[in-house]
Amino acid sequence: MPKPLPGFIGFPDKKMKPVIVPDLFFTDLLPQIDDLAELKLTVYAFWLLNEQTSDLRYLRGDDLRADETLLRSLNLESDLRSPLAALEDALDRATARQTLLRMEVETGAGESLVSEDWYFLNTAKGRQAVAMIRQGRLAELQKIL
């Protein structure tokens, strides 16, 4: 018998910040997702992107890999994968499904040039950002947004 989980105490009466989730998530995407880690990553990505204020909204792979809340949510007794392995698999699944668009982006300059993986939600703005990055127009993109 599994050990009892700590109960959720409920949402407070105070005003909470809404998180925007596109309606197509429920009708088109949710029926396709067959992995709990991918589902958790996708919902968490909506929240993380909702928290950003810039017009250029993306998630850095390194930030996701260091996110204790996300990793804790992926630490399931029924899953034989480590939380990091579950996250990597979820990122692979979400990009294969094209929920998230993955880009390798080089930041910095000279000897401090670093390659990072960035993830964009597959929206018109996300696709536009990816296209501009592929064209080598990241600096221009950052200026106009």
N, C-alpha and C. Protein backbone atom coordinates (compact mmCIF):
# COMPACT_ATOMS: atom_id res chain seq x y z
N MET A 1 0.86 -1.18 0.00
CA MET A 1 0.00 0.00 0.00
C MET A 1 0.90 1.24 0.00
N PRO A 2 0.66 2.20 -0.93
CA PRO A 2 1.50 3.39 -0.96
C PRO A 2 1.30 4.25 0.28
N LYS A 3 2.38 4.92 0.66
CA LYS A 3 2.27 5.78 1.84
C LYS A 3 1.40 6.98 1.51
N PRO A 4 0.65 7.49 2.48
CA PRO A 4 -0.24 8.62 2.22
C PRO A 4 0.56 9.87 1.84
N LEU A 5 0.03 10.59 0.90
CA LEU A 5 0.65 11.84 0.46
C LEU A 5 0.21 12.97 1.37
N PRO A 6 1.08 13.97 1.55
CA PRO A 6 0.63 15.14 2.32
C PRO A 6 -0.52 15.81 1.55
N GLY A 7 -1.54 16.17 2.25
CA GLY A 7 -2.71 16.75 1.60
C GLY A 7 -2.48 18.18 1.15
N PHE A 8 -3.17 18.54 0.11
CA PHE A 8 -3.16 19.91 -0.39
C PHE A 8 -4.10 20.71 0.49
N ILE A 9 -3.63 21.83 1.02
CA ILE A 9 -4.45 22.60 1.97
C ILE A 9 -5.48 23.48 1.28
N GLY A 10 -5.42 23.58 -0.03
CA GLY A 10 -6.40 24.35 -0.77
C GLY A 10 -5.85 25.71 -1.18
N PHE A 11 -6.59 26.34 -2.07
CA PHE A 11 -6.20 27.66 -2.56
C PHE A 11 -6.68 28.71 -1.58
N PRO A 12 -5.88 29.76 -1.36
CA PRO A 12 -6.28 30.79 -0.41
C PRO A 12 -7.43 31.65 -0.97
N ASP A 13 -8.07 32.39 -0.09
CA ASP A 13 -9.16 33.27 -0.51
C ASP A 13 -8.66 34.51 -1.24
N LYS A 14 -7.38 34.84 -1.05
CA LYS A 14 -6.85 36.04 -1.68
C LYS A 14 -6.84 35.91 -3.19
N LYS A 15 -6.76 37.05 -3.86
CA LYS A 15 -6.72 37.06 -5.31
C LYS A 15 -5.43 36.40 -5.79
N MET A 16 -5.56 35.46 -6.70
CA MET A 16 -4.40 34.77 -7.25
C MET A 16 -4.21 35.19 -8.70
N LYS A 17 -2.97 35.11 -9.15
CA LYS A 17 -2.64 35.48 -10.52
C LYS A 17 -3.07 34.36 -11.47
N PRO A 18 -3.83 34.67 -12.50
CA PRO A 18 -4.23 33.62 -13.44
C PRO A 18 -3.06 33.21 -14.34
N VAL A 19 -3.13 31.99 -14.82
CA VAL A 19 -2.17 31.48 -15.79
C VAL A 19 -2.94 31.19 -17.07
N ILE A 20 -2.47 31.73 -18.16
CA ILE A 20 -3.15 31.55 -19.44
C ILE A 20 -2.73 30.22 -20.05
N VAL A 21 -3.72 29.39 -20.33
CA VAL A 21 -3.51 28.12 -21.01
C VAL A 21 -4.43 28.14 -22.24
N PRO A 22 -3.86 28.04 -23.43
CA PRO A 22 -4.69 28.08 -24.64
C PRO A 22 -5.72 26.95 -24.65
N ASP A 23 -6.91 27.25 -25.14
CA ASP A 23 -7.97 26.24 -25.14
C ASP A 23 -7.61 25.03 -25.99
N LEU A 24 -6.78 25.21 -27.03
CA LEU A 24 -6.38 24.07 -27.86
C LEU A 24 -5.54 23.07 -27.07
N PHE A 25 -4.96 23.50 -25.96
CA PHE A 25 -4.24 22.56 -25.11
C PHE A 25 -5.19 21.44 -24.68
N PHE A 26 -6.39 21.80 -24.28
CA PHE A 26 -7.35 20.81 -23.76
C PHE A 26 -7.98 19.97 -24.86
N THR A 27 -8.22 20.56 -26.02
CA THR A 27 -8.93 19.84 -27.08
C THR A 27 -8.01 19.09 -28.02
N ASP A 28 -6.82 19.65 -28.32
CA ASP A 28 -5.94 19.04 -29.32
C ASP A 28 -4.70 18.39 -28.73
N LEU A 29 -4.06 19.06 -27.78
CA LEU A 29 -2.78 18.57 -27.28
C LEU A 29 -2.92 17.55 -26.15
N LEU A 30 -3.73 17.84 -25.16
CA LEU A 30 -3.87 16.95 -24.00
C LEU A 30 -4.19 15.51 -24.40
N PRO A 31 -5.10 15.27 -25.34
CA PRO A 31 -5.38 13.88 -25.72
C PRO A 31 -4.18 13.15 -26.33
N GLN A 32 -3.18 13.90 -26.82
CA GLN A 32 -2.00 13.28 -27.44
C GLN A 32 -0.92 12.94 -26.42
N ILE A 33 -0.87 13.65 -25.31
CA ILE A 33 0.21 13.46 -24.34
C ILE A 33 -0.02 12.17 -23.57
N ASP A 34 0.97 11.28 -23.64
CA ASP A 34 0.84 9.97 -23.00
C ASP A 34 1.92 9.72 -21.95
N ASP A 35 2.60 10.77 -21.54
CA ASP A 35 3.66 10.64 -20.54
C ASP A 35 3.43 11.70 -19.46
N LEU A 36 3.39 11.26 -18.20
CA LEU A 36 3.10 12.18 -17.10
C LEU A 36 4.15 13.28 -16.99
N ALA A 37 5.42 12.96 -17.19
CA ALA A 37 6.48 13.98 -17.11
C ALA A 37 6.29 15.03 -18.19
N GLU A 38 5.92 14.63 -19.39
CA GLU A 38 5.68 15.60 -20.47
C GLU A 38 4.49 16.49 -20.12
N LEU A 39 3.44 15.91 -19.56
CA LEU A 39 2.28 16.70 -19.16
C LEU A 39 2.67 17.72 -18.09
N LYS A 40 3.40 17.28 -17.08
CA LYS A 40 3.81 18.19 -16.02
C LYS A 40 4.71 19.29 -16.56
N LEU A 41 5.66 18.95 -17.42
CA LEU A 41 6.53 19.96 -18.03
C LEU A 41 5.72 20.96 -18.83
N THR A 42 4.77 20.50 -19.60
CA THR A 42 3.97 21.38 -20.45
C THR A 42 3.18 22.37 -19.62
N VAL A 43 2.50 21.89 -18.60
CA VAL A 43 1.71 22.77 -17.73
C VAL A 43 2.63 23.75 -17.01
N TYR A 44 3.76 23.26 -16.53
CA TYR A 44 4.73 24.11 -15.82
C TYR A 44 5.29 25.17 -16.76
N ALA A 45 5.51 24.80 -18.04
CA ALA A 45 6.01 25.76 -19.03
C ALA A 45 5.01 26.89 -19.23
N PHE A 46 3.71 26.57 -19.27
CA PHE A 46 2.70 27.63 -19.38
C PHE A 46 2.85 28.62 -18.22
N TRP A 47 3.02 28.09 -17.01
CA TRP A 47 3.15 28.96 -15.84
C TRP A 47 4.43 29.80 -15.92
N LEU A 48 5.57 29.15 -16.22
CA LEU A 48 6.83 29.89 -16.30
C LEU A 48 6.78 30.99 -17.35
N LEU A 49 6.24 30.68 -18.51
CA LEU A 49 6.16 31.68 -19.58
C LEU A 49 5.18 32.78 -19.22
N ASN A 50 4.13 32.45 -18.50
CA ASN A 50 3.15 33.44 -18.04
C ASN A 50 3.80 34.43 -17.07
N GLU A 51 4.78 33.98 -16.31
CA GLU A 51 5.47 34.82 -15.33
C GLU A 51 6.41 35.83 -15.99
N GLN A 52 6.81 35.57 -17.23
CA GLN A 52 7.75 36.47 -17.92
C GLN A 52 7.03 37.71 -18.41
N THR A 53 7.74 38.84 -18.40
CA THR A 53 7.13 40.11 -18.83
C THR A 53 7.63 40.57 -20.18
N SER A 54 8.71 40.02 -20.66
CA SER A 54 9.27 40.42 -21.96
C SER A 54 8.40 39.87 -23.09
N ASP A 55 8.48 40.51 -24.24
CA ASP A 55 7.79 39.97 -25.41
C ASP A 55 8.51 38.73 -25.95
N LEU A 56 9.82 38.64 -25.71
CA LEU A 56 10.60 37.46 -26.09
C LEU A 56 10.54 36.49 -24.92
N ARG A 57 9.63 35.54 -25.00
CA ARG A 57 9.42 34.60 -23.90
C ARG A 57 9.95 33.23 -24.30
N TYR A 58 10.86 32.73 -23.47
CA TYR A 58 11.46 31.44 -23.74
C TYR A 58 11.94 30.85 -22.42
N LEU A 59 12.24 29.57 -22.45
CA LEU A 59 12.75 28.86 -21.28
C LEU A 59 14.15 28.37 -21.61
N ARG A 60 15.07 28.58 -20.70
CA ARG A 60 16.43 28.06 -20.86
C ARG A 60 16.49 26.65 -20.28
N GLY A 61 17.08 25.74 -21.04
CA GLY A 61 17.21 24.37 -20.57
C GLY A 61 17.92 24.28 -19.22
N ASP A 62 18.98 25.08 -19.05
CA ASP A 62 19.72 25.04 -17.77
C ASP A 62 18.84 25.48 -16.61
N ASP A 63 17.96 26.47 -16.85
CA ASP A 63 17.05 26.91 -15.78
C ASP A 63 16.06 25.80 -15.42
N LEU A 64 15.56 25.10 -16.43
CA LEU A 64 14.63 23.99 -16.16
C LEU A 64 15.32 22.88 -15.38
N ARG A 65 16.55 22.58 -15.76
CA ARG A 65 17.30 21.50 -15.09
C ARG A 65 17.65 21.85 -13.65
N ALA A 66 17.64 23.14 -13.31
CA ALA A 66 17.96 23.58 -11.95
C ALA A 66 16.71 23.93 -11.14
N ASP A 67 15.54 23.79 -11.72
CA ASP A 67 14.29 24.19 -11.07
C ASP A 67 13.85 23.10 -10.09
N GLU A 68 14.03 23.38 -8.81
CA GLU A 68 13.73 22.38 -7.77
C GLU A 68 12.25 21.99 -7.75
N THR A 69 11.36 22.94 -7.98
CA THR A 69 9.92 22.63 -7.96
C THR A 69 9.59 21.67 -9.11
N LEU A 70 10.08 21.97 -10.29
CA LEU A 70 9.84 21.10 -11.44
C LEU A 70 10.43 19.72 -11.20
N LEU A 71 11.67 19.67 -10.75
CA LEU A 71 12.31 18.37 -10.51
C LEU A 71 11.60 17.57 -9.43
N ARG A 72 11.14 18.26 -8.40
CA ARG A 72 10.39 17.57 -7.33
C ARG A 72 9.10 16.97 -7.90
N SER A 73 8.46 17.68 -8.82
CA SER A 73 7.22 17.16 -9.41
C SER A 73 7.48 15.94 -10.30
N LEU A 74 8.72 15.81 -10.78
CA LEU A 74 9.06 14.69 -11.65
C LEU A 74 9.66 13.51 -10.89
N ASN A 75 9.76 13.63 -9.58
CA ASN A 75 10.32 12.57 -8.75
C ASN A 75 9.18 11.65 -8.29
N LEU A 76 8.83 10.70 -9.12
CA LEU A 76 7.71 9.80 -8.85
C LEU A 76 8.21 8.41 -8.52
N GLU A 77 7.64 7.81 -7.50
CA GLU A 77 8.02 6.44 -7.13
C GLU A 77 7.72 5.46 -8.26
N SER A 78 6.67 5.72 -9.01
CA SER A 78 6.27 4.81 -10.08
C SER A 78 7.12 4.96 -11.33
N ASP A 79 7.99 5.98 -11.37
CA ASP A 79 8.83 6.24 -12.53
C ASP A 79 10.25 5.78 -12.20
N LEU A 80 10.80 4.92 -13.02
CA LEU A 80 12.13 4.40 -12.77
C LEU A 80 13.23 5.41 -13.16
N ARG A 81 12.84 6.47 -13.85
CA ARG A 81 13.81 7.48 -14.27
C ARG A 81 14.11 8.43 -13.11
N SER A 82 15.31 8.99 -13.11
CA SER A 82 15.63 10.06 -12.16
C SER A 82 14.85 11.29 -12.60
N PRO A 83 14.64 12.27 -11.73
CA PRO A 83 13.94 13.49 -12.15
C PRO A 83 14.60 14.18 -13.35
N LEU A 84 15.93 14.23 -13.38
CA LEU A 84 16.61 14.85 -14.53
C LEU A 84 16.39 14.04 -15.81
N ALA A 85 16.44 12.73 -15.71
CA ALA A 85 16.19 11.88 -16.88
C ALA A 85 14.74 12.04 -17.35
N ALA A 86 13.81 12.13 -16.40
CA ALA A 86 12.39 12.34 -16.77
C ALA A 86 12.22 13.69 -17.46
N LEU A 87 12.94 14.71 -16.96
CA LEU A 87 12.86 16.04 -17.59
C LEU A 87 13.43 16.00 -19.00
N GLU A 88 14.58 15.38 -19.19
CA GLU A 88 15.18 15.31 -20.53
C GLU A 88 14.24 14.58 -21.49
N ASP A 89 13.64 13.49 -21.01
CA ASP A 89 12.70 12.75 -21.84
C ASP A 89 11.47 13.61 -22.16
N ALA A 90 10.98 14.34 -21.16
CA ALA A 90 9.82 15.21 -21.36
C ALA A 90 10.14 16.31 -22.37
N LEU A 91 11.33 16.89 -22.27
CA LEU A 91 11.74 17.92 -23.24
C LEU A 91 11.82 17.33 -24.64
N ASP A 92 12.38 16.12 -24.76
CA ASP A 92 12.44 15.46 -26.07
C ASP A 92 11.05 15.21 -26.62
N ARG A 93 10.14 14.74 -25.77
CA ARG A 93 8.77 14.45 -26.21
C ARG A 93 8.04 15.74 -26.62
N ALA A 94 8.18 16.78 -25.80
CA ALA A 94 7.48 18.04 -26.09
C ALA A 94 8.01 18.69 -27.35
N THR A 95 9.31 18.54 -27.64
CA THR A 95 9.84 19.10 -28.88
C THR A 95 9.48 18.22 -30.07
N ALA A 96 9.48 16.90 -29.90
CA ALA A 96 9.07 16.01 -30.99
C ALA A 96 7.60 16.26 -31.35
N ARG A 97 6.78 16.53 -30.35
CA ARG A 97 5.36 16.80 -30.56
C ARG A 97 5.15 18.22 -31.08
N GLN A 98 6.18 19.05 -30.98
CA GLN A 98 6.19 20.46 -31.38
C GLN A 98 5.33 21.34 -30.49
N THR A 99 5.16 20.93 -29.24
CA THR A 99 4.57 21.81 -28.25
C THR A 99 5.57 22.91 -27.93
N LEU A 100 6.82 22.48 -27.75
CA LEU A 100 7.93 23.40 -27.53
C LEU A 100 8.86 23.34 -28.73
N LEU A 101 9.40 24.49 -29.09
CA LEU A 101 10.37 24.58 -30.17
C LEU A 101 11.75 24.79 -29.55
N ARG A 102 12.68 23.92 -29.86
CA ARG A 102 14.02 23.97 -29.25
C ARG A 102 15.00 24.63 -30.21
N MET A 103 15.82 25.53 -29.63
CA MET A 103 16.87 26.20 -30.40
C MET A 103 18.17 26.12 -29.62
N GLU A 104 19.27 25.88 -30.32
CA GLU A 104 20.60 26.02 -29.73
C GLU A 104 21.00 27.46 -30.01
N VAL A 105 21.27 28.21 -28.96
CA VAL A 105 21.58 29.63 -29.09
C VAL A 105 22.94 29.88 -28.47
N GLU A 106 23.77 30.62 -29.19
CA GLU A 106 25.07 30.99 -28.66
C GLU A 106 24.97 32.38 -28.06
N THR A 107 25.34 32.49 -26.79
CA THR A 107 25.30 33.77 -26.10
C THR A 107 26.70 34.12 -25.65
N GLY A 108 26.91 35.39 -25.35
CA GLY A 108 28.23 35.86 -24.94
C GLY A 108 29.04 36.23 -26.17
N ALA A 109 30.32 36.43 -25.96
CA ALA A 109 31.21 36.80 -27.06
C ALA A 109 32.61 36.29 -26.79
N GLY A 110 33.37 36.10 -27.86
CA GLY A 110 34.76 35.69 -27.74
C GLY A 110 34.91 34.38 -27.01
N GLU A 111 35.81 34.38 -26.02
CA GLU A 111 36.09 33.16 -25.26
C GLU A 111 34.96 32.80 -24.29
N SER A 112 34.07 33.76 -24.02
CA SER A 112 32.96 33.47 -23.11
C SER A 112 31.68 33.07 -23.86
N LEU A 113 31.86 32.66 -25.13
CA LEU A 113 30.73 32.20 -25.94
C LEU A 113 30.20 30.89 -25.37
N VAL A 114 28.89 30.84 -25.12
CA VAL A 114 28.26 29.67 -24.51
C VAL A 114 27.09 29.23 -25.39
N SER A 115 26.95 27.93 -25.57
CA SER A 115 25.81 27.38 -26.30
C SER A 115 24.75 26.94 -25.29
N GLU A 116 23.53 27.40 -25.48
CA GLU A 116 22.43 27.07 -24.57
C GLU A 116 21.26 26.53 -25.38
N ASP A 117 20.44 25.70 -24.74
CA ASP A 117 19.21 25.27 -25.38
C ASP A 117 18.07 26.14 -24.83
N TRP A 118 17.35 26.75 -25.74
CA TRP A 118 16.20 27.59 -25.42
C TRP A 118 14.95 26.91 -25.95
N TYR A 119 13.84 27.07 -25.23
CA TYR A 119 12.58 26.47 -25.62
C TYR A 119 11.51 27.56 -25.74
N PHE A 120 10.83 27.57 -26.86
CA PHE A 120 9.75 28.51 -27.13
C PHE A 120 8.45 27.74 -27.25
N LEU A 121 7.36 28.33 -26.78
CA LEU A 121 6.05 27.73 -26.99
C LEU A 121 5.72 27.86 -28.48
N ASN A 122 5.13 26.85 -29.05
CA ASN A 122 4.81 26.85 -30.48
C ASN A 122 3.59 27.74 -30.74
N THR A 123 3.84 29.04 -30.70
CA THR A 123 2.84 30.06 -31.02
C THR A 123 3.40 30.88 -32.18
N ALA A 124 2.60 31.80 -32.70
CA ALA A 124 3.08 32.66 -33.77
C ALA A 124 4.34 33.41 -33.35
N LYS A 125 4.33 33.98 -32.13
CA LYS A 125 5.52 34.70 -31.65
C LYS A 125 6.70 33.76 -31.44
N GLY A 126 6.44 32.58 -30.93
CA GLY A 126 7.52 31.60 -30.73
C GLY A 126 8.14 31.18 -32.06
N ARG A 127 7.30 30.91 -33.05
CA ARG A 127 7.80 30.53 -34.38
C ARG A 127 8.58 31.67 -35.02
N GLN A 128 8.10 32.91 -34.84
CA GLN A 128 8.80 34.08 -35.38
C GLN A 128 10.17 34.22 -34.73
N ALA A 129 10.24 34.05 -33.43
CA ALA A 129 11.52 34.15 -32.72
C ALA A 129 12.49 33.09 -33.21
N VAL A 130 12.03 31.86 -33.35
CA VAL A 130 12.88 30.77 -33.83
C VAL A 130 13.39 31.08 -35.24
N ALA A 131 12.51 31.57 -36.10
CA ALA A 131 12.92 31.89 -37.47
C ALA A 131 14.00 32.98 -37.48
N MET A 132 13.83 34.00 -36.65
CA MET A 132 14.81 35.07 -36.61
C MET A 132 16.15 34.58 -36.06
N ILE A 133 16.11 33.71 -35.06
CA ILE A 133 17.35 33.16 -34.51
C ILE A 133 18.06 32.32 -35.57
N ARG A 134 17.31 31.52 -36.31
CA ARG A 134 17.90 30.70 -37.38
C ARG A 134 18.55 31.56 -38.45
N GLN A 135 18.01 32.76 -38.65
CA GLN A 135 18.57 33.69 -39.64
C GLN A 135 19.73 34.50 -39.07
N GLY A 136 20.12 34.22 -37.84
CA GLY A 136 21.22 34.94 -37.22
C GLY A 136 20.83 36.33 -36.76
N ARG A 137 19.56 36.54 -36.47
CA ARG A 137 19.06 37.87 -36.12
C ARG A 137 18.65 37.96 -34.66
N LEU A 138 19.34 37.24 -33.76
CA LEU A 138 18.99 37.26 -32.34
C LEU A 138 19.12 38.67 -31.76
N ALA A 139 20.21 39.36 -32.05
CA ALA A 139 20.41 40.72 -31.51
C ALA A 139 19.29 41.65 -31.98
N GLU A 140 18.92 41.53 -33.25
CA GLU A 140 17.83 42.34 -33.80
C GLU A 140 16.51 41.99 -33.12
N LEU A 141 16.29 40.70 -32.91
CA LEU A 141 15.07 40.23 -32.25
C LEU A 141 14.96 40.82 -30.86
N GLN A 142 16.06 40.82 -30.11
CA GLN A 142 16.06 41.34 -28.74
C GLN A 142 15.78 42.85 -28.72
N LYS A 143 16.18 43.55 -29.77
CA LYS A 143 15.95 45.00 -29.84
C LYS A 143 14.49 45.33 -30.14
N ILE A 144 13.87 44.57 -31.06
CA ILE A 144 12.51 44.92 -31.46
C ILE A 144 11.46 44.43 -30.46
N LEU A 145 11.83 43.48 -29.64
CA LEU A 145 10.88 42.96 -28.67
C LEU A 145 11.11 43.56 -27.35
